Amino acid sequence: MSDVILDIKRWGNNLGVRMPAAIVRAAKLRVDQRVRLTVENGAVVMRPQEEAMPTLEQRLARYDASRHGGEVMVAERVGVERW
């Protein structure tokens, strides 16, 4: 499946198009993936947005102890840890 005819619908204050699963699979898209939309010669073009892996500092900055259940504590030794 390479061509489909779709209707543009209102989605809140925006407009949206629902993509058929066959198109999503063919384009190798996934849920929550970021894409870049541009207009080229009057056509809307959607391209995947490449995301760099976050640094450890960036990941730690997003950590929310209340959401993730606080720190992980283990009552007994696991592996070669020393207390």
PDB file of N, CA and C in Angstrom:
ATOM      1  N   MET A   1       0.868  -1.177   0.000  1.00  0.00           N
ATOM      2  CA  MET A   1       0.000   0.000   0.000  1.00  0.00           C
ATOM      3  C   MET A   1       0.904   1.226   0.000  1.00  0.00           C
ATOM      4  N   SER A   2       0.826   1.997  -1.069  1.00  0.00           N
ATOM      5  CA  SER A   2       1.639   3.204  -1.131  1.00  0.00           C
ATOM      6  C   SER A   2       0.811   4.465  -1.279  1.00  0.00           C
ATOM      7  N   ASP A   3      -0.411   4.353  -1.763  1.00  0.00           N
ATOM      8  CA  ASP A   3      -1.280   5.523  -1.914  1.00  0.00           C
ATOM      9  C   ASP A   3      -2.613   5.269  -1.220  1.00  0.00           C
ATOM     10  N   VAL A   4      -3.065   6.257  -0.470  1.00  0.00           N
ATOM     11  CA  VAL A   4      -4.394   6.210   0.132  1.00  0.00           C
ATOM     12  C   VAL A   4      -4.996   7.599   0.036  1.00  0.00           C
ATOM     13  N   ILE A   5      -6.303   7.671   0.031  1.00  0.00           N
ATOM     14  CA  ILE A   5      -7.026   8.938   0.059  1.00  0.00           C
ATOM     15  C   ILE A   5      -7.634   9.048   1.454  1.00  0.00           C
ATOM     16  N   LEU A   6      -7.322  10.111   2.167  1.00  0.00           N
ATOM     17  CA  LEU A   6      -7.777  10.300   3.539  1.00  0.00           C
ATOM     18  C   LEU A   6      -8.500  11.630   3.675  1.00  0.00           C
ATOM     19  N   ASP A   7      -9.330  11.736   4.694  1.00  0.00           N
ATOM     20  CA  ASP A   7     -10.021  12.986   5.002  1.00  0.00           C
ATOM     21  C   ASP A   7      -9.310  13.692   6.160  1.00  0.00           C
ATOM     22  N   ILE A   8      -9.158  14.991   6.042  1.00  0.00           N
ATOM     23  CA  ILE A   8      -8.621  15.798   7.132  1.00  0.00           C
ATOM     24  C   ILE A   8      -9.777  16.106   8.081  1.00  0.00           C
ATOM     25  N   LYS A   9      -9.576  15.874   9.375  1.00  0.00           N
ATOM     26  CA  LYS A   9     -10.610  16.097  10.383  1.00  0.00           C
ATOM     27  C   LYS A   9     -10.129  17.114  11.411  1.00  0.00           C
ATOM     28  N   ARG A  10     -11.074  17.729  12.099  1.00  0.00           N
ATOM     29  CA  ARG A  10     -10.741  18.664  13.170  1.00  0.00           C
ATOM     30  C   ARG A  10     -10.394  17.857  14.410  1.00  0.00           C
ATOM     31  N   TRP A  11      -9.321  18.278  15.100  1.00  0.00           N
ATOM     32  CA  TRP A  11      -8.878  17.644  16.336  1.00  0.00           C
ATOM     33  C   TRP A  11      -8.570  18.781  17.293  1.00  0.00           C
ATOM     34  N   GLY A  12      -9.578  19.186  18.091  1.00  0.00           N
ATOM     35  CA  GLY A  12      -9.435  20.378  18.929  1.00  0.00           C
ATOM     36  C   GLY A  12      -9.338  21.590  18.033  1.00  0.00           C
ATOM     37  N   ASN A  13      -8.306  22.412  18.235  1.00  0.00           N
ATOM     38  CA  ASN A  13      -8.091  23.586  17.387  1.00  0.00           C
ATOM     39  C   ASN A  13      -7.222  23.260  16.175  1.00  0.00           C
ATOM     40  N   ASN A  14      -6.818  21.998  16.048  1.00  0.00           N
ATOM     41  CA  ASN A  14      -5.915  21.588  14.977  1.00  0.00           C
ATOM     42  C   ASN A  14      -6.654  20.720  13.970  1.00  0.00           C
ATOM     43  N   LEU A  15      -5.931  20.339  12.933  1.00  0.00           N
ATOM     44  CA  LEU A  15      -6.439  19.391  11.954  1.00  0.00           C
ATOM     45  C   LEU A  15      -5.578  18.135  12.030  1.00  0.00           C
ATOM     46  N   GLY A  16      -6.187  16.996  11.730  1.00  0.00           N
ATOM     47  CA  GLY A  16      -5.439  15.749  11.811  1.00  0.00           C
ATOM     48  C   GLY A  16      -5.856  14.755  10.751  1.00  0.00           C
ATOM     49  N   VAL A  17      -4.964  13.806  10.495  1.00  0.00           N
ATOM     50  CA  VAL A  17      -5.197  12.713   9.565  1.00  0.00           C
ATOM     51  C   VAL A  17      -4.796  11.433  10.283  1.00  0.00           C
ATOM     52  N   ARG A  18      -5.652  10.418  10.218  1.00  0.00           N
ATOM     53  CA  ARG A  18      -5.321   9.110  10.802  1.00  0.00           C
ATOM     54  C   ARG A  18      -4.666   8.269   9.722  1.00  0.00           C
ATOM     55  N   MET A  19      -3.506   7.712  10.048  1.00  0.00           N
ATOM     56  CA  MET A  19      -2.760   6.926   9.062  1.00  0.00           C
ATOM     57  C   MET A  19      -3.100   5.449   9.193  1.00  0.00           C
ATOM     58  N   PRO A  20      -3.363   4.781   8.083  1.00  0.00           N
ATOM     59  CA  PRO A  20      -3.628   3.347   8.118  1.00  0.00           C
ATOM     60  C   PRO A  20      -2.385   2.574   8.583  1.00  0.00           C
ATOM     61  N   ALA A  21      -2.619   1.441   9.250  1.00  0.00           N
ATOM     62  CA  ALA A  21      -1.520   0.635   9.792  1.00  0.00           C
ATOM     63  C   ALA A  21      -0.536   0.211   8.706  1.00  0.00           C
ATOM     64  N   ALA A  22      -1.019  -0.088   7.508  1.00  0.00           N
ATOM     65  CA  ALA A  22      -0.116  -0.511   6.429  1.00  0.00           C
ATOM     66  C   ALA A  22       0.865   0.598   6.058  1.00  0.00           C
ATOM     67  N   ILE A  23       0.407   1.840   6.054  1.00  0.00           N
ATOM     68  CA  ILE A  23       1.286   2.979   5.768  1.00  0.00           C
ATOM     69  C   ILE A  23       2.302   3.151   6.895  1.00  0.00           C
ATOM     70  N   VAL A  24       1.837   3.034   8.133  1.00  0.00           N
ATOM     71  CA  VAL A  24       2.717   3.170   9.302  1.00  0.00           C
ATOM     72  C   VAL A  24       3.812   2.111   9.242  1.00  0.00           C
ATOM     73  N   ARG A  25       3.436   0.865   8.945  1.00  0.00           N
ATOM     74  CA  ARG A  25       4.431  -0.218   8.859  1.00  0.00           C
ATOM     75  C   ARG A  25       5.417   0.035   7.717  1.00  0.00           C
ATOM     76  N   ALA A  26       4.902   0.423   6.562  1.00  0.00           N
ATOM     77  CA  ALA A  26       5.770   0.653   5.404  1.00  0.00           C
ATOM     78  C   ALA A  26       6.764   1.776   5.668  1.00  0.00           C
ATOM     79  N   ALA A  27       6.350   2.800   6.418  1.00  0.00           N
ATOM     80  CA  ALA A  27       7.223   3.933   6.729  1.00  0.00           C
ATOM     81  C   ALA A  27       8.059   3.681   7.981  1.00  0.00           C
ATOM     82  N   LYS A  28       7.828   2.519   8.649  1.00  0.00           N
ATOM     83  CA  LYS A  28       8.549   2.149   9.875  1.00  0.00           C
ATOM     84  C   LYS A  28       8.385   3.215  10.957  1.00  0.00           C
ATOM     85  N   LEU A  29       7.140   3.676  11.136  1.00  0.00           N
ATOM     86  CA  LEU A  29       6.827   4.647  12.179  1.00  0.00           C
ATOM     87  C   LEU A  29       6.387   3.902  13.430  1.00  0.00           C
ATOM     88  N   ARG A  30       6.404   4.585  14.574  1.00  0.00           N
ATOM     89  CA  ARG A  30       5.969   3.970  15.824  1.00  0.00           C
ATOM     90  C   ARG A  30       5.258   5.004  16.685  1.00  0.00           C
ATOM     91  N   VAL A  31       4.528   4.531  17.654  1.00  0.00           N
ATOM     92  CA  VAL A  31       3.799   5.406  18.575  1.00  0.00           C
ATOM     93  C   VAL A  31       4.785   6.301  19.319  1.00  0.00           C
ATOM     94  N   ASP A  32       4.429   7.550  19.505  1.00  0.00           N
ATOM     95  CA  ASP A  32       5.222   8.562  20.223  1.00  0.00           C
ATOM     96  C   ASP A  32       6.522   8.941  19.520  1.00  0.00           C
ATOM     97  N   GLN A  33       6.710   8.508  18.296  1.00  0.00           N
ATOM     98  CA  GLN A  33       7.902   8.905  17.548  1.00  0.00           C
ATOM     99  C   GLN A  33       7.755  10.368  17.139  1.00  0.00           C
ATOM    100  N   ARG A  34       8.833  11.111  17.203  1.00  0.00           N
ATOM    101  CA  ARG A  34       8.806  12.509  16.781  1.00  0.00           C
ATOM    102  C   ARG A  34       9.067  12.567  15.279  1.00  0.00           C
ATOM    103  N   VAL A  35       8.319  13.427  14.583  1.00  0.00           N
ATOM    104  CA  VAL A  35       8.495  13.611  13.146  1.00  0.00           C
ATOM    105  C   VAL A  35       8.578  15.102  12.846  1.00  0.00           C
ATOM    106  N   ARG A  36       9.177  15.421  11.728  1.00  0.00           N
ATOM    107  CA  ARG A  36       9.281  16.810  11.267  1.00  0.00           C
ATOM    108  C   ARG A  36       8.407  16.959  10.036  1.00  0.00           C
ATOM    109  N   LEU A  37       7.507  17.941  10.056  1.00  0.00           N
ATOM    110  CA  LEU A  37       6.671  18.245   8.894  1.00  0.00           C
ATOM    111  C   LEU A  37       7.217  19.483   8.200  1.00  0.00           C
ATOM    112  N   THR A  38       7.340  19.400   6.886  1.00  0.00           N
ATOM    113  CA  THR A  38       7.762  20.553   6.089  1.00  0.00           C
ATOM    114  C   THR A  38       6.860  20.633   4.865  1.00  0.00           C
ATOM    115  N   VAL A  39       6.856  21.784   4.229  1.00  0.00           N
ATOM    116  CA  VAL A  39       6.122  21.961   2.985  1.00  0.00           C
ATOM    117  C   VAL A  39       7.158  22.152   1.885  1.00  0.00           C
ATOM    118  N   GLU A  40       7.113  21.259   0.896  1.00  0.00           N
ATOM    119  CA  GLU A  40       8.045  21.313  -0.235  1.00  0.00           C
ATOM    120  C   GLU A  40       7.238  21.342  -1.527  1.00  0.00           C
ATOM    121  N   ASN A  41       7.335  22.429  -2.247  1.00  0.00           N
ATOM    122  CA  ASN A  41       6.602  22.591  -3.510  1.00  0.00           C
ATOM    123  C   ASN A  41       5.110  22.337  -3.331  1.00  0.00           C
ATOM    124  N   GLY A  42       4.553  22.837  -2.238  1.00  0.00           N
ATOM    125  CA  GLY A  42       3.124  22.709  -1.988  1.00  0.00           C
ATOM    126  C   GLY A  42       2.689  21.368  -1.416  1.00  0.00           C
ATOM    127  N   ALA A  43       3.617  20.443  -1.174  1.00  0.00           N
ATOM    128  CA  ALA A  43       3.291  19.130  -0.612  1.00  0.00           C
ATOM    129  C   ALA A  43       3.788  19.055   0.827  1.00  0.00           C
ATOM    130  N   VAL A  44       2.998  18.442   1.694  1.00  0.00           N
ATOM    131  CA  VAL A  44       3.408  18.240   3.080  1.00  0.00           C
ATOM    132  C   VAL A  44       4.271  16.984   3.126  1.00  0.00           C
ATOM    133  N   VAL A  45       5.464  17.113   3.695  1.00  0.00           N
ATOM    134  CA  VAL A  45       6.403  15.996   3.786  1.00  0.00           C
ATOM    135  C   VAL A  45       6.681  15.722   5.261  1.00  0.00           C
ATOM    136  N   MET A  46       6.556  14.473   5.661  1.00  0.00           N
ATOM    137  CA  MET A  46       6.811  14.079   7.046  1.00  0.00           C
ATOM    138  C   MET A  46       8.046  13.181   7.066  1.00  0.00           C
ATOM    139  N   ARG A  47       9.006  13.543   7.927  1.00  0.00           N
ATOM    140  CA  ARG A  47      10.237  12.762   8.064  1.00  0.00           C
ATOM    141  C   ARG A  47      10.470  12.468   9.545  1.00  0.00           C
ATOM    142  N   PRO A  48      10.968  11.270   9.859  1.00  0.00           N
ATOM    143  CA  PRO A  48      11.297  10.969  11.261  1.00  0.00           C
ATOM    144  C   PRO A  48      12.352  11.943  11.778  1.00  0.00           C
ATOM    145  N   GLN A  49      12.199  12.355  13.018  1.00  0.00           N
ATOM    146  CA  GLN A  49      13.164  13.250  13.660  1.00  0.00           C
ATOM    147  C   GLN A  49      14.139  12.379  14.438  1.00  0.00           C
ATOM    148  N   GLU A  50      15.381  12.419  14.064  1.00  0.00           N
ATOM    149  CA  GLU A  50      16.391  11.630  14.761  1.00  0.00           C
ATOM    150  C   GLU A  50      16.637  12.239  16.139  1.00  0.00           C
ATOM    151  N   GLU A  51      16.622  11.387  17.140  1.00  0.00           N
ATOM    152  CA  GLU A  51      16.851  11.854  18.507  1.00  0.00           C
ATOM    153  C   GLU A  51      18.138  11.256  19.029  1.00  0.00           C
ATOM    154  N   ALA A  52      18.984  12.102  19.568  1.00  0.00           N
ATOM    155  CA  ALA A  52      20.221  11.627  20.167  1.00  0.00           C
ATOM    156  C   ALA A  52      19.910  10.980  21.515  1.00  0.00           C
ATOM    157  N   MET A  53      20.702   9.994  21.879  1.00  0.00           N
ATOM    158  CA  MET A  53      20.540   9.363  23.177  1.00  0.00           C
ATOM    159  C   MET A  53      20.833  10.398  24.261  1.00  0.00           C
ATOM    160  N   PRO A  54      19.952  10.505  25.280  1.00  0.00           N
ATOM    161  CA  PRO A  54      20.194  11.483  26.338  1.00  0.00           C
ATOM    162  C   PRO A  54      21.412  11.092  27.175  1.00  0.00           C
ATOM    163  N   THR A  55      22.095  12.093  27.682  1.00  0.00           N
ATOM    164  CA  THR A  55      23.233  11.831  28.562  1.00  0.00           C
ATOM    165  C   THR A  55      22.707  11.356  29.911  1.00  0.00           C
ATOM    166  N   LEU A  56      23.597  10.833  30.732  1.00  0.00           N
ATOM    167  CA  LEU A  56      23.204  10.395  32.066  1.00  0.00           C
ATOM    168  C   LEU A  56      22.640  11.576  32.850  1.00  0.00           C
ATOM    169  N   GLU A  57      23.244  12.741  32.732  1.00  0.00           N
ATOM    170  CA  GLU A  57      22.764  13.922  33.443  1.00  0.00           C
ATOM    171  C   GLU A  57      21.345  14.291  33.010  1.00  0.00           C
ATOM    172  N   GLN A  58      21.056  14.196  31.704  1.00  0.00           N
ATOM    173  CA  GLN A  58      19.710  14.494  31.205  1.00  0.00           C
ATOM    174  C   GLN A  58      18.697  13.471  31.709  1.00  0.00           C
ATOM    175  N   ARG A  59      19.086  12.216  31.743  1.00  0.00           N
ATOM    176  CA  ARG A  59      18.176  11.181  32.233  1.00  0.00           C
ATOM    177  C   ARG A  59      17.908  11.357  33.722  1.00  0.00           C
ATOM    178  N   LEU A  60      18.934  11.660  34.496  1.00  0.00           N
ATOM    179  CA  LEU A  60      18.753  11.864  35.936  1.00  0.00           C
ATOM    180  C   LEU A  60      17.901  13.093  36.214  1.00  0.00           C
ATOM    181  N   ALA A  61      18.019  14.115  35.371  1.00  0.00           N
ATOM    182  CA  ALA A  61      17.223  15.328  35.559  1.00  0.00           C
ATOM    183  C   ALA A  61      15.736  15.042  35.362  1.00  0.00           C
ATOM    184  N   ARG A  62      15.394  14.055  34.546  1.00  0.00           N
ATOM    185  CA  ARG A  62      13.993  13.700  34.316  1.00  0.00           C
ATOM    186  C   ARG A  62      13.444  12.740  35.364  1.00  0.00           C
ATOM    187  N   TYR A  63      14.310  12.196  36.225  1.00  0.00           N
ATOM    188  CA  TYR A  63      13.884  11.208  37.216  1.00  0.00           C
ATOM    189  C   TYR A  63      12.977  11.859  38.253  1.00  0.00           C
ATOM    190  N   ASP A  64      11.841  11.240  38.512  1.00  0.00           N
ATOM    191  CA  ASP A  64      10.879  11.720  39.500  1.00  0.00           C
ATOM    192  C   ASP A  64      10.664  10.598  40.514  1.00  0.00           C
ATOM    193  N   ALA A  65      11.233  10.750  41.718  1.00  0.00           N
ATOM    194  CA  ALA A  65      11.170   9.693  42.730  1.00  0.00           C
ATOM    195  C   ALA A  65       9.729   9.348  43.101  1.00  0.00           C
ATOM    196  N   SER A  66       8.829  10.335  43.135  1.00  0.00           N
ATOM    197  CA  SER A  66       7.448  10.045  43.499  1.00  0.00           C
ATOM    198  C   SER A  66       6.749   9.213  42.420  1.00  0.00           C
ATOM    199  N   ARG A  67       7.129   9.428  41.181  1.00  0.00           N
ATOM    200  CA  ARG A  67       6.524   8.664  40.084  1.00  0.00           C
ATOM    201  C   ARG A  67       7.136   7.277  39.955  1.00  0.00           C
ATOM    202  N   HIS A  68       8.416   7.176  40.205  1.00  0.00           N
ATOM    203  CA  HIS A  68       9.121   5.913  40.012  1.00  0.00           C
ATOM    204  C   HIS A  68       9.293   5.119  41.303  1.00  0.00           C
ATOM    205  N   GLY A  69       8.656   5.530  42.373  1.00  0.00           N
ATOM    206  CA  GLY A  69       8.683   4.736  43.597  1.00  0.00           C
ATOM    207  C   GLY A  69       9.894   4.964  44.485  1.00  0.00           C
ATOM    208  N   GLY A  70      10.573   6.066  44.345  1.00  0.00           N
ATOM    209  CA  GLY A  70      11.710   6.373  45.206  1.00  0.00           C
ATOM    210  C   GLY A  70      12.941   5.574  44.832  1.00  0.00           C
ATOM    211  N   GLU A  71      13.887   5.529  45.759  1.00  0.00           N
ATOM    212  CA  GLU A  71      15.119   4.796  45.515  1.00  0.00           C
ATOM    213  C   GLU A  71      14.875   3.306  45.656  1.00  0.00           C
ATOM    214  N   VAL A  72      15.673   2.536  44.972  1.00  0.00           N
ATOM    215  CA  VAL A  72      15.556   1.085  45.049  1.00  0.00           C
ATOM    216  C   VAL A  72      16.471   0.600  46.163  1.00  0.00           C
ATOM    217  N   MET A  73      15.912  -0.126  47.104  1.00  0.00           N
ATOM    218  CA  MET A  73      16.691  -0.674  48.207  1.00  0.00           C
ATOM    219  C   MET A  73      16.530  -2.189  48.198  1.00  0.00           C
ATOM    220  N   VAL A  74      17.625  -2.886  48.364  1.00  0.00           N
ATOM    221  CA  VAL A  74      17.604  -4.340  48.438  1.00  0.00           C
ATOM    222  C   VAL A  74      18.102  -4.729  49.816  1.00  0.00           C
ATOM    223  N   ALA A  75      17.347  -5.559  50.529  1.00  0.00           N
ATOM    224  CA  ALA A  75      17.677  -5.919  51.911  1.00  0.00           C
ATOM    225  C   ALA A  75      18.831  -6.908  51.998  1.00  0.00           C
ATOM    226  N   GLU A  76      19.097  -7.608  50.944  1.00  0.00           N
ATOM    227  CA  GLU A  76      20.169  -8.595  50.997  1.00  0.00           C
ATOM    228  C   GLU A  76      21.148  -8.343  49.871  1.00  0.00           C
ATOM    229  N   ARG A  77      22.341  -8.852  50.012  1.00  0.00           N
ATOM    230  CA  ARG A  77      23.358  -8.665  48.983  1.00  0.00           C
ATOM    231  C   ARG A  77      22.995  -9.447  47.731  1.00  0.00           C
ATOM    232  N   VAL A  78      23.276  -8.840  46.612  1.00  0.00           N
ATOM    233  CA  VAL A  78      23.053  -9.484  45.331  1.00  0.00           C
ATOM    234  C   VAL A  78      24.364  -9.390  44.572  1.00  0.00           C
ATOM    235  N   GLY A  79      24.884 -10.502  44.128  1.00  0.00           N
ATOM    236  CA  GLY A  79      26.138 -10.478  43.396  1.00  0.00           C
ATOM    237  C   GLY A  79      27.316 -10.226  44.311  1.00  0.00           C
ATOM    238  N   VAL A  80      28.219  -9.331  43.911  1.00  0.00           N
ATOM    239  CA  VAL A  80      29.450  -9.098  44.668  1.00  0.00           C
ATOM    240  C   VAL A  80      29.435  -7.762  45.411  1.00  0.00           C
ATOM    241  N   GLU A  81      28.225  -7.211  45.681  1.00  0.00           N
ATOM    242  CA  GLU A  81      28.172  -5.932  46.385  1.00  0.00           C
ATOM    243  C   GLU A  81      28.661  -6.096  47.830  1.00  0.00           C
ATOM    244  N   ARG A  82      29.219  -5.023  48.358  1.00  0.00           N
ATOM    245  CA  ARG A  82      29.634  -5.006  49.758  1.00  0.00           C
ATOM    246  C   ARG A  82      29.001  -3.816  50.403  1.00  0.00           C
ATOM    247  N   TRP A  83      28.478  -3.972  51.624  1.00  0.00           N
ATOM    248  CA  TRP A  83      27.777  -2.925  52.345  1.00  0.00           C
ATOM    249  C   TRP A  83      28.596  -2.459  53.502  1.00  0.00           C
TER     250      TRP A  83
END
